[in-house]
N, C-alpha and C. Protein backbone atom coordinates (compact mmCIF):
# COMPACT_ATOMS: atom_id res chain seq x y z
N MET A 1 0.47 2.79 -4.92
CA MET A 1 -0.47 1.88 -4.29
C MET A 1 0.14 0.49 -4.28
N VAL A 2 0.07 -0.16 -3.13
CA VAL A 2 0.55 -1.52 -2.96
C VAL A 2 -0.68 -2.43 -2.87
N THR A 3 -0.67 -3.49 -3.67
CA THR A 3 -1.79 -4.43 -3.68
C THR A 3 -1.30 -5.79 -3.22
N ALA A 4 -2.05 -6.37 -2.29
CA ALA A 4 -1.77 -7.73 -1.82
C ALA A 4 -3.02 -8.57 -2.05
N ILE A 5 -2.81 -9.79 -2.51
CA ILE A 5 -3.89 -10.77 -2.69
C ILE A 5 -3.72 -11.78 -1.56
N VAL A 6 -4.76 -11.92 -0.73
CA VAL A 6 -4.65 -12.78 0.44
C VAL A 6 -5.65 -13.93 0.32
N HIS A 7 -5.13 -15.15 0.26
CA HIS A 7 -5.97 -16.35 0.30
C HIS A 7 -6.20 -16.70 1.77
N ILE A 8 -7.43 -17.04 2.10
CA ILE A 8 -7.79 -17.25 3.51
C ILE A 8 -8.55 -18.55 3.70
N ASN A 9 -8.12 -19.35 4.67
CA ASN A 9 -8.92 -20.49 5.14
C ASN A 9 -9.59 -20.05 6.42
N ALA A 10 -10.90 -20.36 6.51
CA ALA A 10 -11.68 -19.96 7.67
C ALA A 10 -12.45 -21.16 8.19
N GLU A 11 -12.90 -21.04 9.44
CA GLU A 11 -13.77 -22.06 9.99
C GLU A 11 -15.03 -22.12 9.11
N VAL A 12 -15.36 -23.31 8.64
CA VAL A 12 -16.42 -23.47 7.65
C VAL A 12 -17.74 -22.85 8.07
N ASP A 13 -18.13 -23.04 9.30
CA ASP A 13 -19.42 -22.52 9.74
C ASP A 13 -19.40 -21.01 10.01
N ARG A 14 -18.23 -20.38 9.86
CA ARG A 14 -18.11 -18.94 10.11
C ARG A 14 -17.68 -18.15 8.87
N ILE A 15 -17.64 -18.78 7.71
CA ILE A 15 -17.13 -18.12 6.51
C ILE A 15 -17.85 -16.78 6.23
N PRO A 16 -19.18 -16.72 6.22
CA PRO A 16 -19.82 -15.42 5.94
C PRO A 16 -19.47 -14.34 6.96
N GLU A 17 -19.42 -14.70 8.22
CA GLU A 17 -19.08 -13.75 9.28
C GLU A 17 -17.64 -13.29 9.15
N VAL A 18 -16.73 -14.22 8.88
CA VAL A 18 -15.31 -13.89 8.71
C VAL A 18 -15.15 -12.96 7.51
N ALA A 19 -15.81 -13.28 6.40
CA ALA A 19 -15.71 -12.47 5.19
C ALA A 19 -16.19 -11.04 5.46
N GLN A 20 -17.31 -10.90 6.14
CA GLN A 20 -17.85 -9.57 6.43
C GLN A 20 -16.92 -8.78 7.33
N THR A 21 -16.37 -9.42 8.34
CA THR A 21 -15.45 -8.74 9.26
C THR A 21 -14.21 -8.27 8.52
N ILE A 22 -13.66 -9.14 7.66
CA ILE A 22 -12.47 -8.77 6.89
C ILE A 22 -12.79 -7.63 5.93
N ALA A 23 -13.95 -7.67 5.28
CA ALA A 23 -14.34 -6.63 4.33
C ALA A 23 -14.43 -5.25 4.99
N GLU A 24 -14.68 -5.22 6.28
CA GLU A 24 -14.81 -3.96 7.01
C GLU A 24 -13.48 -3.40 7.50
N LEU A 25 -12.39 -4.15 7.34
CA LEU A 25 -11.08 -3.68 7.78
C LEU A 25 -10.57 -2.58 6.86
N ALA A 26 -9.98 -1.56 7.44
CA ALA A 26 -9.34 -0.50 6.64
C ALA A 26 -8.23 -1.12 5.80
N GLY A 27 -8.19 -0.79 4.53
CA GLY A 27 -7.18 -1.32 3.62
C GLY A 27 -7.67 -2.49 2.80
N VAL A 28 -8.75 -3.12 3.20
CA VAL A 28 -9.32 -4.24 2.43
C VAL A 28 -10.36 -3.67 1.48
N SER A 29 -10.14 -3.87 0.17
CA SER A 29 -11.07 -3.31 -0.81
C SER A 29 -12.17 -4.28 -1.21
N GLU A 30 -11.87 -5.57 -1.23
CA GLU A 30 -12.86 -6.58 -1.61
C GLU A 30 -12.56 -7.89 -0.91
N VAL A 31 -13.61 -8.68 -0.72
CA VAL A 31 -13.46 -10.05 -0.22
C VAL A 31 -14.38 -10.92 -1.06
N TYR A 32 -13.84 -12.03 -1.54
CA TYR A 32 -14.60 -12.96 -2.38
C TYR A 32 -14.62 -14.33 -1.73
N SER A 33 -15.75 -15.03 -1.82
CA SER A 33 -15.74 -16.45 -1.49
C SER A 33 -15.31 -17.16 -2.77
N ILE A 34 -14.45 -18.16 -2.63
CA ILE A 34 -13.87 -18.80 -3.80
C ILE A 34 -13.89 -20.33 -3.66
N THR A 35 -13.65 -21.00 -4.77
CA THR A 35 -13.52 -22.45 -4.76
C THR A 35 -12.04 -22.81 -4.67
N GLY A 36 -11.78 -24.06 -4.37
CA GLY A 36 -10.40 -24.52 -4.34
C GLY A 36 -9.90 -24.72 -2.92
N GLU A 37 -8.61 -24.62 -2.76
CA GLU A 37 -7.95 -24.90 -1.49
C GLU A 37 -8.33 -23.89 -0.40
N TYR A 38 -8.62 -22.66 -0.80
CA TYR A 38 -8.94 -21.61 0.17
C TYR A 38 -10.41 -21.26 0.10
N ASP A 39 -10.92 -20.66 1.17
CA ASP A 39 -12.33 -20.30 1.28
C ASP A 39 -12.62 -18.89 0.79
N LEU A 40 -11.69 -17.98 1.06
CA LEU A 40 -11.89 -16.56 0.76
C LEU A 40 -10.65 -15.98 0.10
N LEU A 41 -10.86 -14.89 -0.63
CA LEU A 41 -9.76 -14.13 -1.22
C LEU A 41 -10.02 -12.67 -0.89
N ALA A 42 -9.05 -12.00 -0.30
CA ALA A 42 -9.18 -10.58 0.03
C ALA A 42 -8.17 -9.78 -0.77
N MET A 43 -8.64 -8.65 -1.29
CA MET A 43 -7.75 -7.72 -1.97
C MET A 43 -7.44 -6.60 -0.99
N VAL A 44 -6.15 -6.42 -0.71
CA VAL A 44 -5.71 -5.38 0.20
C VAL A 44 -4.98 -4.33 -0.63
N ARG A 45 -5.42 -3.09 -0.51
CA ARG A 45 -4.81 -1.99 -1.27
C ARG A 45 -4.46 -0.87 -0.29
N VAL A 46 -3.17 -0.62 -0.17
CA VAL A 46 -2.68 0.40 0.77
C VAL A 46 -1.60 1.24 0.10
N ALA A 47 -1.23 2.32 0.74
CA ALA A 47 -0.26 3.25 0.14
C ALA A 47 1.18 2.77 0.24
N THR A 48 1.53 2.06 1.33
CA THR A 48 2.92 1.67 1.56
C THR A 48 3.04 0.20 1.95
N TYR A 49 4.22 -0.34 1.76
CA TYR A 49 4.48 -1.73 2.16
C TYR A 49 4.34 -1.91 3.68
N GLU A 50 4.70 -0.88 4.43
CA GLU A 50 4.58 -0.97 5.88
C GLU A 50 3.13 -1.20 6.31
N GLU A 51 2.19 -0.62 5.56
CA GLU A 51 0.78 -0.79 5.88
C GLU A 51 0.30 -2.22 5.66
N ILE A 52 0.97 -2.95 4.76
CA ILE A 52 0.63 -4.37 4.55
C ILE A 52 0.79 -5.12 5.87
N ALA A 53 1.88 -4.82 6.59
CA ALA A 53 2.12 -5.48 7.88
C ALA A 53 1.08 -5.11 8.91
N GLU A 54 0.56 -3.90 8.84
CA GLU A 54 -0.49 -3.48 9.77
C GLU A 54 -1.80 -4.19 9.46
N VAL A 55 -2.13 -4.29 8.18
CA VAL A 55 -3.43 -4.84 7.78
C VAL A 55 -3.47 -6.36 7.88
N ILE A 56 -2.49 -7.05 7.30
CA ILE A 56 -2.60 -8.52 7.20
C ILE A 56 -2.23 -9.20 8.52
N PRO A 57 -0.97 -9.21 8.94
CA PRO A 57 -0.70 -9.87 10.22
C PRO A 57 -1.25 -9.10 11.41
N GLY A 58 -1.38 -7.79 11.29
CA GLY A 58 -1.82 -6.98 12.40
C GLY A 58 -3.31 -7.03 12.67
N ARG A 59 -4.12 -7.20 11.62
CA ARG A 59 -5.58 -7.20 11.81
C ARG A 59 -6.28 -8.40 11.17
N LEU A 60 -6.03 -8.64 9.88
CA LEU A 60 -6.74 -9.70 9.17
C LEU A 60 -6.49 -11.07 9.78
N ASN A 61 -5.25 -11.39 10.07
CA ASN A 61 -4.93 -12.71 10.65
C ASN A 61 -5.51 -12.90 12.04
N LYS A 62 -5.88 -11.80 12.70
CA LYS A 62 -6.42 -11.88 14.05
C LYS A 62 -7.94 -11.95 14.09
N VAL A 63 -8.59 -11.93 12.92
CA VAL A 63 -10.05 -12.04 12.89
C VAL A 63 -10.44 -13.43 13.38
N ALA A 64 -11.38 -13.48 14.29
CA ALA A 64 -11.85 -14.76 14.82
C ALA A 64 -12.41 -15.61 13.68
N GLY A 65 -11.94 -16.85 13.60
CA GLY A 65 -12.39 -17.77 12.55
C GLY A 65 -11.40 -17.93 11.42
N VAL A 66 -10.39 -17.05 11.32
CA VAL A 66 -9.34 -17.19 10.31
C VAL A 66 -8.39 -18.28 10.78
N LEU A 67 -8.17 -19.28 9.94
CA LEU A 67 -7.30 -20.40 10.30
C LEU A 67 -5.92 -20.28 9.67
N LYS A 68 -5.86 -19.77 8.42
CA LYS A 68 -4.60 -19.74 7.68
C LYS A 68 -4.72 -18.71 6.58
N THR A 69 -3.61 -18.04 6.29
CA THR A 69 -3.59 -17.11 5.15
C THR A 69 -2.34 -17.35 4.31
N GLU A 70 -2.43 -16.95 3.06
CA GLU A 70 -1.28 -16.96 2.15
C GLU A 70 -1.36 -15.65 1.38
N THR A 71 -0.29 -14.86 1.46
CA THR A 71 -0.30 -13.52 0.87
C THR A 71 0.62 -13.43 -0.34
N HIS A 72 0.11 -12.78 -1.38
CA HIS A 72 0.88 -12.51 -2.59
C HIS A 72 0.89 -11.00 -2.81
N ILE A 73 2.06 -10.44 -3.05
CA ILE A 73 2.18 -9.01 -3.33
C ILE A 73 2.23 -8.81 -4.84
N ALA A 74 1.41 -7.90 -5.34
CA ALA A 74 1.39 -7.60 -6.78
C ALA A 74 2.51 -6.62 -7.12
N PHE A 75 3.22 -6.89 -8.20
CA PHE A 75 4.28 -5.99 -8.66
C PHE A 75 3.71 -4.88 -9.54
N ARG A 76 2.86 -5.26 -10.48
CA ARG A 76 2.29 -4.31 -11.44
C ARG A 76 0.82 -4.62 -11.64
N THR A 77 0.09 -3.61 -12.07
CA THR A 77 -1.31 -3.78 -12.44
C THR A 77 -1.43 -3.63 -13.94
N TYR A 78 -2.06 -4.60 -14.59
CA TYR A 78 -2.24 -4.55 -16.03
C TYR A 78 -3.70 -4.31 -16.41
N SER A 79 -4.56 -4.18 -15.43
CA SER A 79 -5.97 -3.95 -15.66
C SER A 79 -6.26 -2.46 -15.65
N THR A 80 -7.19 -2.05 -16.49
CA THR A 80 -7.62 -0.65 -16.48
C THR A 80 -8.82 -0.45 -15.58
N HIS A 81 -9.27 -1.50 -14.91
CA HIS A 81 -10.46 -1.43 -14.06
C HIS A 81 -10.37 -0.30 -13.05
N ASP A 82 -9.30 -0.23 -12.27
CA ASP A 82 -9.17 0.80 -11.25
C ASP A 82 -9.06 2.18 -11.86
N LEU A 83 -8.32 2.30 -12.94
CA LEU A 83 -8.15 3.59 -13.60
C LEU A 83 -9.48 4.08 -14.16
N ASP A 84 -10.21 3.20 -14.84
CA ASP A 84 -11.52 3.57 -15.38
C ASP A 84 -12.48 3.97 -14.27
N ALA A 85 -12.48 3.24 -13.17
CA ALA A 85 -13.38 3.54 -12.06
C ALA A 85 -13.04 4.91 -11.44
N ALA A 86 -11.77 5.21 -11.32
CA ALA A 86 -11.36 6.48 -10.72
C ALA A 86 -11.82 7.66 -11.56
N PHE A 87 -11.73 7.53 -12.88
CA PHE A 87 -12.12 8.63 -13.76
C PHE A 87 -13.62 8.75 -13.93
N SER A 88 -14.36 7.68 -13.64
CA SER A 88 -15.81 7.73 -13.85
C SER A 88 -16.57 8.22 -12.63
N ILE A 89 -15.91 8.39 -11.50
CA ILE A 89 -16.59 8.83 -10.29
C ILE A 89 -17.07 10.25 -10.46
N GLY A 90 -18.38 10.43 -10.41
CA GLY A 90 -18.97 11.74 -10.45
C GLY A 90 -18.95 12.42 -11.80
N LEU A 91 -18.49 11.75 -12.81
CA LEU A 91 -18.44 12.36 -14.14
C LEU A 91 -19.54 11.78 -15.02
N THR A 92 -20.09 12.60 -15.86
CA THR A 92 -21.07 12.13 -16.83
C THR A 92 -20.64 12.60 -18.20
N GLU A 93 -21.03 11.87 -19.20
CA GLU A 93 -20.72 12.26 -20.56
C GLU A 93 -21.66 13.38 -20.98
N SER A 94 -21.11 14.42 -21.59
CA SER A 94 -21.97 15.51 -22.06
C SER A 94 -22.36 15.26 -23.50
N ASP A 95 -23.52 15.76 -23.87
CA ASP A 95 -24.00 15.56 -25.25
C ASP A 95 -23.41 16.58 -26.17
């Protein structure tokens, strides 16, 4: 799994619409509104590096209202969040 963190500047009056449109793109797992220099942060999770090019410059950057993006590629994951979530889907603890 390849993970990219994308910082996004959007037209101020369109931030909610831009965020929702980006959240609906295939490969985008989450979108957050954030403080600081950027307006939004999107987590892109895909199987291959080639898909990063399809998702970010190919679709995300073309969303109406996106002004600027800055992309960071993650090398490793140190969180157990994704692993824990994967194992908890549909499973219940037995007594």
